[in-house]
C-alpha atoms as a PDB file:
ATOM      1  CA  MET A   1     115.864 102.795  45.693  1.00  0.00           C
ATOM      2  CA  GLY A   2     118.251  99.854  48.022  1.00  0.00           C
ATOM      3  CA  ILE A   3     117.070  97.962  51.022  1.00  0.00           C
ATOM      4  CA  LEU A   4     117.292  99.868  54.915  1.00  0.00           C
ATOM      5  CA  PHE A   5     115.692  97.619  57.277  1.00  0.00           C
ATOM      6  CA  THR A   6     114.764  93.959  57.113  1.00  0.00           C
ATOM      7  CA  LYS A   7     112.454  91.410  58.972  1.00  0.00           C
ATOM      8  CA  ASN A   8     116.061  90.056  60.284  1.00  0.00           C
ATOM      9  CA  THR A   9     116.914  93.831  61.201  1.00  0.00           C
ATOM     10  CA  ALA A  10     113.534  94.495  63.169  1.00  0.00           C
ATOM     11  CA  PHE A  11     114.477  91.254  65.493  1.00  0.00           C
ATOM     12  CA  ASN A  12     117.781  92.387  66.450  1.00  0.00           C
ATOM     13  CA  LEU A  13     116.184  95.347  68.118  1.00  0.00           C
ATOM     14  CA  TYR A  14     114.469  92.664  70.549  1.00  0.00           C
ATOM     15  CA  TYR A  15     116.225  90.839  73.658  1.00  0.00           C
ATOM     16  CA  SER A  16     112.722  88.665  73.758  1.00  0.00           C
ATOM     17  CA  GLN A  17     112.531  86.845  70.659  1.00  0.00           C
ATOM     18  CA  TYR A  18     109.369  85.429  71.640  1.00  0.00           C
ATOM     19  CA  HIS A  19     108.158  89.142  71.900  1.00  0.00           C
ATOM     20  CA  ALA A  20     109.737  90.444  68.974  1.00  0.00           C
ATOM     21  CA  ASN A  21     107.842  87.549  66.864  1.00  0.00           C
ATOM     22  CA  ILE A  22     104.409  88.655  68.136  1.00  0.00           C
ATOM     23  CA  VAL A  23     104.875  92.009  67.148  1.00  0.00           C
ATOM     24  CA  ILE A  24     106.722  91.952  63.890  1.00  0.00           C
ATOM     25  CA  ASN A  25     104.620  89.083  62.613  1.00  0.00           C
ATOM     26  CA  SER A  26     101.723  91.489  62.872  1.00  0.00           C
ATOM     27  CA  HIS A  27     103.635  93.641  60.622  1.00  0.00           C
ATOM     28  CA  LYS A  28     105.094  91.760  58.169  1.00  0.00           C
ATOM     29  CA  ASP A  29     104.143  94.154  55.625  1.00  0.00           C
ATOM     30  CA  TRP A  30     106.438  96.609  55.994  1.00  0.00           C
ATOM     31  CA  PHE A  31     109.350  94.898  55.391  1.00  0.00           C
ATOM     32  CA  PRO A  32     111.678  94.794  53.596  1.00  0.00           C
ATOM     33  CA  ILE A  33     111.733  98.750  54.044  1.00  0.00           C
ATOM     34  CA  TYR A  34     113.323 100.543  51.231  1.00  0.00           C
ATOM     35  CA  SER A  35     114.859 104.153  50.499  1.00  0.00           C
ATOM     36  CA  SER A  36     112.931 106.372  49.428  1.00  0.00           C
ATOM     37  CA  PRO A  37     111.917 110.230  49.360  1.00  0.00           C
ATOM     38  CA  ARG A  38     109.003 109.509  51.201  1.00  0.00           C
ATOM     39  CA  LEU A  39     110.939 108.263  54.086  1.00  0.00           C
ATOM     40  CA  ALA A  40     113.331 110.520  53.755  1.00  0.00           C
ATOM     41  CA  GLY A  41     110.627 113.430  54.365  1.00  0.00           C
ATOM     42  CA  ILE A  42     109.324 111.543  57.948  1.00  0.00           C
ATOM     43  CA  ILE A  43     113.071 111.491  58.818  1.00  0.00           C
ATOM     44  CA  ALA A  44     113.081 114.616  58.479  1.00  0.00           C
ATOM     45  CA  ASP A  45     109.882 115.972  59.649  1.00  0.00           C
ATOM     46  CA  LEU A  46     111.216 114.062  62.967  1.00  0.00           C
ATOM     47  CA  ILE A  47     114.138 115.714  63.128  1.00  0.00           C
ATOM     48  CA  CYS A  48     112.318 118.960  62.987  1.00  0.00           C
ATOM     49  CA  ASP A  49     109.120 119.722  64.485  1.00  0.00           C
ATOM     50  CA  GLY A  50     109.021 116.094  65.352  1.00  0.00           C
ATOM     51  CA  HIS A  51     109.486 113.927  68.925  1.00  0.00           C
ATOM     52  CA  ILE A  52     110.692 109.869  69.410  1.00  0.00           C
ATOM     53  CA  GLN A  53     110.268 109.448  72.880  1.00  0.00           C
ATOM     54  CA  GLY A  54     112.758 106.062  73.566  1.00  0.00           C
ATOM     55  CA  PRO A  55     113.526 103.759  74.766  1.00  0.00           C
ATOM     56  CA  LYS A  56     111.333 103.116  78.024  1.00  0.00           C
ATOM     57  CA  LEU A  57     108.357 104.219  75.703  1.00  0.00           C
ATOM     58  CA  TRP A  58     108.462 104.240  71.974  1.00  0.00           C
ATOM     59  CA  ARG A  59     106.415 106.185  70.652  1.00  0.00           C
ATOM     60  CA  PHE A  60     106.201 109.276  68.626  1.00  0.00           C
ATOM     61  CA  ASP A  61     104.740 113.076  68.000  1.00  0.00           C
ATOM     62  CA  TYR A  62     104.659 115.502  65.257  1.00  0.00           C
ATOM     63  CA  THR A  63     103.755 118.899  66.035  1.00  0.00           C
ATOM     64  CA  SER A  64     102.388 121.982  64.402  1.00  0.00           C
ATOM     65  CA  LYS A  65     100.154 124.849  65.055  1.00  0.00           C
ATOM     66  CA  ASN A  66      98.099 123.530  61.397  1.00  0.00           C
ATOM     67  CA  LYS A  67      96.090 120.526  62.047  1.00  0.00           C
ATOM     68  CA  LYS A  68      96.438 120.054  57.615  1.00  0.00           C
ATOM     69  CA  GLU A  69     100.549 119.856  58.329  1.00  0.00           C
ATOM     70  CA  LEU A  70      99.437 116.673  60.823  1.00  0.00           C
ATOM     71  CA  LYS A  71      97.392 115.228  58.237  1.00  0.00           C
ATOM     72  CA  ARG A  72     100.111 116.224  55.734  1.00  0.00           C
ATOM     73  CA  PHE A  73     102.524 114.110  57.812  1.00  0.00           C
ATOM     74  CA  GLU A  74     100.512 111.196  58.803  1.00  0.00           C
ATOM     75  CA  LYS A  75      99.422 110.696  55.098  1.00  0.00           C
ATOM     76  CA  GLN A  76     103.090 110.134  54.464  1.00  0.00           C
ATOM     77  CA  ILE A  77     103.090 107.606  57.133  1.00  0.00           C
ATOM     78  CA  PHE A  78     100.358 105.999  56.240  1.00  0.00           C
ATOM     79  CA  ALA A  79     101.709 105.485  52.800  1.00  0.00           C
ATOM     80  CA  LEU A  80     104.187 103.359  54.197  1.00  0.00           C
ATOM     81  CA  PHE A  81     103.150 101.541  56.962  1.00  0.00           C
ATOM     82  CA  LYS A  82      99.767 101.874  56.839  1.00  0.00           C
ATOM     83  CA  ILE A  83      99.408 103.610  60.634  1.00  0.00           C
ATOM     84  CA  ARG A  84      97.282 106.881  61.824  1.00  0.00           C
ATOM     85  CA  GLY A  85      97.349 108.836  64.763  1.00  0.00           C
ATOM     86  CA  LYS A  86      95.384 110.553  66.823  1.00  0.00           C
ATOM     87  CA  ILE A  87      95.877 114.544  66.780  1.00  0.00           C
ATOM     88  CA  ARG A  88      95.167 116.246  70.399  1.00  0.00           C
ATOM     89  CA  PRO A  89      95.857 119.786  71.416  1.00  0.00           C
ATOM     90  CA  ASN A  90      99.705 120.686  73.019  1.00  0.00           C
ATOM     91  CA  HIS A  91      99.013 122.738  76.242  1.00  0.00           C
ATOM     92  CA  GLY A  92     102.727 122.711  77.501  1.00  0.00           C
ATOM     93  CA  ASN A  93     103.225 124.767  74.632  1.00  0.00           C
ATOM     94  CA  ILE A  94     104.677 128.567  75.520  1.00  0.00           C
ATOM     95  CA  PHE A  95     105.119 129.408  71.917  1.00  0.00           C
ATOM     96  CA  GLY A  96     101.230 129.652  71.344  1.00  0.00           C
ATOM     97  CA  LYS A  97      98.554 126.763  70.827  1.00  0.00           C
ATOM     98  CA  THR A  98     100.035 123.868  68.695  1.00  0.00           C
ATOM     99  CA  PHE A  99      98.631 120.540  67.904  1.00  0.00           C
ATOM    100  CA  ASN A 100     100.429 117.106  68.405  1.00  0.00           C
ATOM    101  CA  LEU A 101      99.687 113.902  66.073  1.00  0.00           C
ATOM    102  CA  GLY A 102     100.593 111.510  68.522  1.00  0.00           C
ATOM    103  CA  ILE A 103     101.103 107.402  67.049  1.00  0.00           C
ATOM    104  CA  ASN A 104     101.762 104.894  69.774  1.00  0.00           C
ATOM    105  CA  ASN A 105     103.445 102.245  68.013  1.00  0.00           C
ATOM    106  CA  LYS A 106     106.665 100.642  69.461  1.00  0.00           C
ATOM    107  CA  LEU A 107     108.116  98.949  66.691  1.00  0.00           C
ATOM    108  CA  LEU A 108     107.805 101.910  64.077  1.00  0.00           C
ATOM    109  CA  SER A 109     109.566 104.249  66.777  1.00  0.00           C
ATOM    110  CA  ARG A 110     112.347 101.811  67.056  1.00  0.00           C
ATOM    111  CA  ILE A 111     112.730 101.777  62.970  1.00  0.00           C
ATOM    112  CA  LEU A 112     112.671 105.248  62.299  1.00  0.00           C
ATOM    113  CA  ASN A 113     115.057 105.887  65.030  1.00  0.00           C
ATOM    114  CA  TYR A 114     117.228 103.151  63.300  1.00  0.00           C
ATOM    115  CA  LEU A 115     116.737 104.845  59.673  1.00  0.00           C
ATOM    116  CA  GLY A 116     117.853 108.224  61.511  1.00  0.00           C
ATOM    117  CA  ALA A 117     115.622 109.859  63.308  1.00  0.00           C
ATOM    118  CA  PRO A 118     116.969 110.531  67.020  1.00  0.00           C
ATOM    119  CA  TYR A 119     115.112 109.848  70.190  1.00  0.00           C
ATOM    120  CA  GLY A 120     114.760 112.295  72.903  1.00  0.00           C
ATOM    121  CA  PRO A 121     115.698 116.825  73.327  1.00  0.00           C
ATOM    122  CA  LYS A 122     117.498 117.162  69.645  1.00  0.00           C
ATOM    123  CA  VAL A 123     119.360 119.854  71.309  1.00  0.00           C
ATOM    124  CA  LYS A 124     121.000 117.374  73.495  1.00  0.00           C
ATOM    125  CA  THR A 125     121.403 114.557  71.090  1.00  0.00           C
ATOM    126  CA  GLU A 126     123.703 113.795  68.902  1.00  0.00           C
ATOM    127  CA  PHE A 127     122.547 113.631  64.999  1.00  0.00           C
ATOM    128  CA  LEU A 128     123.581 113.612  61.438  1.00  0.00           C
ATOM    129  CA  ILE A 129     121.699 113.201  58.239  1.00  0.00           C
ATOM    130  CA  PRO A 130     121.694 109.866  57.423  1.00  0.00           C
ATOM    131  CA  GLU A 131     124.253 108.626  54.851  1.00  0.00           C
ATOM    132  CA  TRP A 132     121.237 106.835  52.492  1.00  0.00           C
ATOM    133  CA  VAL A 133     119.794 110.328  52.355  1.00  0.00           C
ATOM    134  CA  LEU A 134     123.093 112.067  51.666  1.00  0.00           C
ATOM    135  CA  ASN A 135     124.456 109.865  48.734  1.00  0.00           C
ATOM    136  CA  ASP A 136     120.862 109.644  47.263  1.00  0.00           C
ATOM    137  CA  LYS A 137     119.985 113.385  45.407  1.00  0.00           C
ATOM    138  CA  GLU A 138     115.890 112.815  44.841  1.00  0.00           C
ATOM    139  CA  CYS A 139     115.723 111.506  48.927  1.00  0.00           C
ATOM    140  CA  PHE A 140     118.377 114.250  50.051  1.00  0.00           C
ATOM    141  CA  ARG A 141     115.499 116.940  47.819  1.00  0.00           C
ATOM    142  CA  THR A 142     112.981 115.862  49.950  1.00  0.00           C
ATOM    143  CA  PHE A 143     114.592 115.472  53.044  1.00  0.00           C
ATOM    144  CA  THR A 144     116.317 119.228  52.407  1.00  0.00           C
ATOM    145  CA  LYS A 145     112.736 120.790  51.828  1.00  0.00           C
ATOM    146  CA  ARG A 146     111.521 119.002  54.612  1.00  0.00           C
ATOM    147  CA  VAL A 147     114.165 120.606  56.583  1.00  0.00           C
ATOM    148  CA  PHE A 148     113.664 124.575  55.648  1.00  0.00           C
ATOM    149  CA  THR A 149     110.085 124.083  55.170  1.00  0.00           C
ATOM    150  CA  CYS A 150     110.243 123.250  59.159  1.00  0.00           C
ATOM    151  CA  GLU A 151     113.312 125.769  60.146  1.00  0.00           C
ATOM    152  CA  GLY A 152     113.855 127.821  57.415  1.00  0.00           C
ATOM    153  CA  THR A 153     112.748 131.319  57.257  1.00  0.00           C
ATOM    154  CA  VAL A 154     112.478 134.094  54.391  1.00  0.00           C
ATOM    155  CA  ASP A 155     114.043 138.058  55.082  1.00  0.00           C
ATOM    156  CA  ILE A 156     112.572 139.749  52.263  1.00  0.00           C
ATOM    157  CA  SER A 157     114.343 143.139  53.769  1.00  0.00           C
ATOM    158  CA  PRO A 158     115.214 145.502  50.364  1.00  0.00           C
ATOM    159  CA  LYS A 159     118.749 145.449  51.710  1.00  0.00           C
ATOM    160  CA  ASN A 160     119.648 142.001  52.501  1.00  0.00           C
ATOM    161  CA  SER A 161     117.044 139.249  51.614  1.00  0.00           C
ATOM    162  CA  PHE A 162     117.985 135.736  51.585  1.00  0.00           C
ATOM    163  CA  VAL A 163     116.938 132.316  52.960  1.00  0.00           C
ATOM    164  CA  SER A 164     117.985 131.399  56.367  1.00  0.00           C
ATOM    165  CA  LEU A 165     118.375 127.997  58.144  1.00  0.00           C
ATOM    166  CA  GLU A 166     118.606 127.657  62.112  1.00  0.00           C
ATOM    167  CA  MET A 167     118.815 125.148  64.178  1.00  0.00           C
ATOM    168  CA  TRP A 168     119.646 125.526  67.905  1.00  0.00           C
ATOM    169  CA  LYS A 169     121.850 122.799  70.048  1.00  0.00           C
ATOM    170  CA  SER A 170     123.416 122.743  73.576  1.00  0.00           C
ATOM    171  CA  ILE A 171     126.717 124.475  73.946  1.00  0.00           C
ATOM    172  CA  GLU A 172     128.199 120.939  74.382  1.00  0.00           C
ATOM    173  CA  LEU A 173     126.893 120.033  70.938  1.00  0.00           C
ATOM    174  CA  ILE A 174     127.885 123.102  69.149  1.00  0.00           C
ATOM    175  CA  GLU A 175     130.437 121.155  66.997  1.00  0.00           C
ATOM    176  CA  ASN A 176     127.410 118.227  66.331  1.00  0.00           C
ATOM    177  CA  GLY A 177     125.189 121.176  64.953  1.00  0.00           C
ATOM    178  CA  GLU A 178     127.812 122.415  62.604  1.00  0.00           C
ATOM    179  CA  GLU A 179     128.425 119.250  61.023  1.00  0.00           C
ATOM    180  CA  PHE A 180     124.525 118.832  60.364  1.00  0.00           C
ATOM    181  CA  LEU A 181     124.325 122.332  58.711  1.00  0.00           C
ATOM    182  CA  ASN A 182     127.718 121.542  56.766  1.00  0.00           C
ATOM    183  CA  GLN A 183     126.521 118.060  55.521  1.00  0.00           C
ATOM    184  CA  ILE A 184     123.068 120.512  54.369  1.00  0.00           C
ATOM    185  CA  LYS A 185     125.760 122.998  52.747  1.00  0.00           C
ATOM    186  CA  THR A 186     127.964 120.808  50.836  1.00  0.00           C
ATOM    187  CA  LYS A 187     125.597 118.844  49.391  1.00  0.00           C
ATOM    188  CA  LEU A 188     123.312 121.863  48.164  1.00  0.00           C
ATOM    189  CA  LYS A 189     126.500 122.880  46.307  1.00  0.00           C
ATOM    190  CA  SER A 190     127.291 119.522  45.173  1.00  0.00           C
ATOM    191  CA  TYR A 191     123.800 118.121  43.868  1.00  0.00           C
ATOM    192  CA  PHE A 192     122.154 121.281  42.805  1.00  0.00           C
ATOM    193  CA  GLY A 193     125.113 123.960  42.540  1.00  0.00           C
ATOM    194  CA  ILE A 194     123.217 126.111  45.421  1.00  0.00           C
ATOM    195  CA  GLU A 195     126.189 128.328  47.442  1.00  0.00           C
ATOM    196  CA  CYS A 196     125.181 129.104  51.250  1.00  0.00           C
ATOM    197  CA  THR A 197     127.211 130.985  53.581  1.00  0.00           C
ATOM    198  CA  ASN A 198     129.700 129.850  55.889  1.00  0.00           C
ATOM    199  CA  ILE A 199     127.528 128.517  59.172  1.00  0.00           C
ATOM    200  CA  PHE A 200     127.828 131.264  62.336  1.00  0.00           C
ATOM    201  CA  LEU A 201     126.628 131.287  66.114  1.00  0.00           C
ATOM    202  CA  GLY A 202     123.851 133.432  66.603  1.00  0.00           C
ATOM    203  CA  SER A 203     124.639 136.207  69.470  1.00  0.00           C
ATOM    204  CA  ASN A 204     122.115 135.037  71.697  1.00  0.00           C
ATOM    205  CA  TYR A 205     121.762 131.618  74.235  1.00  0.00           C
ATOM    206  CA  ASN A 206     118.763 129.901  75.700  1.00  0.00           C
ATOM    207  CA  LYS A 207     118.751 128.620  79.026  1.00  0.00           C
ATOM    208  CA  ARG A 208     116.003 125.699  79.290  1.00  0.00           C
ATOM    209  CA  LYS A 209     113.777 124.385  81.918  1.00  0.00           C
ATOM    210  CA  ASP A 210     116.163 121.886  82.737  1.00  0.00           C
ATOM    211  CA  GLY A 211     119.228 124.027  82.920  1.00  0.00           C
ATOM    212  CA  THR A 212     120.522 123.820  79.208  1.00  0.00           C
ATOM    213  CA  VAL A 213     122.280 125.936  77.927  1.00  0.00           C
ATOM    214  CA  THR A 214     121.616 126.320  73.903  1.00  0.00           C
ATOM    215  CA  LYS A 215     122.808 128.437  71.130  1.00  0.00           C
ATOM    216  CA  GLY A 216     121.377 128.931  67.607  1.00  0.00           C
ATOM    217  CA  LEU A 217     123.227 127.881  64.446  1.00  0.00           C
ATOM    218  CA  ARG A 218     122.841 129.498  60.987  1.00  0.00           C
ATOM    219  CA  LEU A 219     122.971 129.049  57.205  1.00  0.00           C
ATOM    220  CA  ARG A 220     122.074 131.250  54.857  1.00  0.00           C
ATOM    221  CA  ILE A 221     121.568 131.466  50.775  1.00  0.00           C
ATOM    222  CA  LYS A 222     122.219 135.105  49.683  1.00  0.00           C
ATOM    223  CA  ARG A 223     123.542 134.812  46.471  1.00  0.00           C
ATOM    224  CA  LEU A 224     120.630 135.641  43.585  1.00  0.00           C
ATOM    225  CA  ASP A 225     121.764 132.813  41.432  1.00  0.00           C
ATOM    226  CA  SER A 226     121.728 130.625  44.209  1.00  0.00           C
ATOM    227  CA  LEU A 227     117.621 131.291  45.590  1.00  0.00           C
ATOM    228  CA  ILE A 228     117.130 130.908  42.182  1.00  0.00           C
ATOM    229  CA  LYS A 229     118.320 128.114  42.055  1.00  0.00           C
ATOM    230  CA  PHE A 230     117.169 126.642  45.565  1.00  0.00           C
ATOM    231  CA  SER A 231     113.313 127.992  44.425  1.00  0.00           C
ATOM    232  CA  LYS A 232     113.796 126.083  41.828  1.00  0.00           C
ATOM    233  CA  GLU A 233     115.361 122.608  43.003  1.00  0.00           C
ATOM    234  CA  ILE A 234     114.689 122.860  46.587  1.00  0.00           C
ATOM    235  CA  GLY A 235     111.768 125.129  47.837  1.00  0.00           C
ATOM    236  CA  PHE A 236     109.500 125.071  50.025  1.00  0.00           C
ATOM    237  CA  ASP A 237     106.467 123.140  50.999  1.00  0.00           C
ATOM    238  CA  ASN A 238     104.569 126.034  53.008  1.00  0.00           C
ATOM    239  CA  SER A 239     102.858 128.590  50.558  1.00  0.00           C
ATOM    240  CA  LEU A 240     103.437 131.801  52.704  1.00  0.00           C
ATOM    241  CA  LYS A 241     107.141 130.767  52.561  1.00  0.00           C
ATOM    242  CA  GLN A 242     107.611 129.774  49.003  1.00  0.00           C
ATOM    243  CA  LYS A 243     105.542 133.106  48.515  1.00  0.00           C
ATOM    244  CA  LYS A 244     107.854 135.469  50.203  1.00  0.00           C
ATOM    245  CA  LEU A 245     110.888 133.935  48.532  1.00  0.00           C
ATOM    246  CA  ASP A 246     109.530 134.123  44.899  1.00  0.00           C
ATOM    247  CA  LYS A 247     109.108 137.924  46.061  1.00  0.00           C
ATOM    248  CA  ILE A 248     112.693 138.346  46.966  1.00  0.00           C
ATOM    249  CA  ILE A 249     113.792 136.868  43.977  1.00  0.00           C
ATOM    250  CA  LYS A 250     111.782 138.832  41.514  1.00  0.00           C
ATOM    251  CA  ILE A 251     113.047 142.069  43.381  1.00  0.00           C
ATOM    252  CA  ARG A 252     116.053 141.057  43.651  1.00  0.00           C
ATOM    253  CA  LEU A 253     116.143 140.928  39.540  1.00  0.00           C
ATOM    254  CA  GLY A 254     114.588 143.910  39.574  1.00  0.00           C
ATOM    255  CA  GLN A 255     117.207 145.253  41.328  1.00  0.00           C
ATOM    256  CA  SER A 256     120.304 143.651  39.086  1.00  0.00           C
ATOM    257  CA  GLY A 257     118.571 144.754  35.680  1.00  0.00           C
ATOM    258  CA  MET A 258     118.065 140.773  34.529  1.00  0.00           C
ATOM    259  CA  GLY A 259     113.958 140.752  35.259  1.00  0.00           C
ATOM    260  CA  GLN A 260     113.651 143.114  32.423  1.00  0.00           C
END
């Protein structure tokens, strides 16, 4: 595992060296920060269900309907940085009752942004998978597992079952969204032999409260051999999604005669 971030790097994030000394020295045990699958998973979580606020207010949240999922994320953060957050209800979510795990640490928020987690609304922000994740098989494995767990779905219809990954981007950033999904597609093939479909646009548009028009991009895994490899090499942290994946593999094996 390589060094991604040092104490000297942290000083470069601040204009005031006096203030930097106070903040950085209070967390000197963090440095140096090494690449790891755990850290890659944190970056993926923030790209999917997290939100970094910055640069005026450096802090971050992780959102879920399940408090156990928030505790899982907090455990990952604590394992590396010995920091805990606070869970509170999210009253502004139109999709149902959810909770936020909020972590108010400016230095950590800036570090995670530096390491690849974007700040601000992700549908309006360009980002790609960090090179340190792409170039390490185990970091990519964990990153992708978290992305599919957060944003992936399993279609279990008898005639056309598949695993799907969807992300939404503003119309102006469709090309960036395609590049992000292509990074996943390319590395799934080169690292694990998993074949994905071409990336395609959904038919629906969505207009946000701020007037931004967004469109969904989709990537699917449809071939039986690739579904089997995906289940073995990547899979889902979510047990319900994993059970659905196992079910469609069993059905497809039965249909092909391979399961007999």
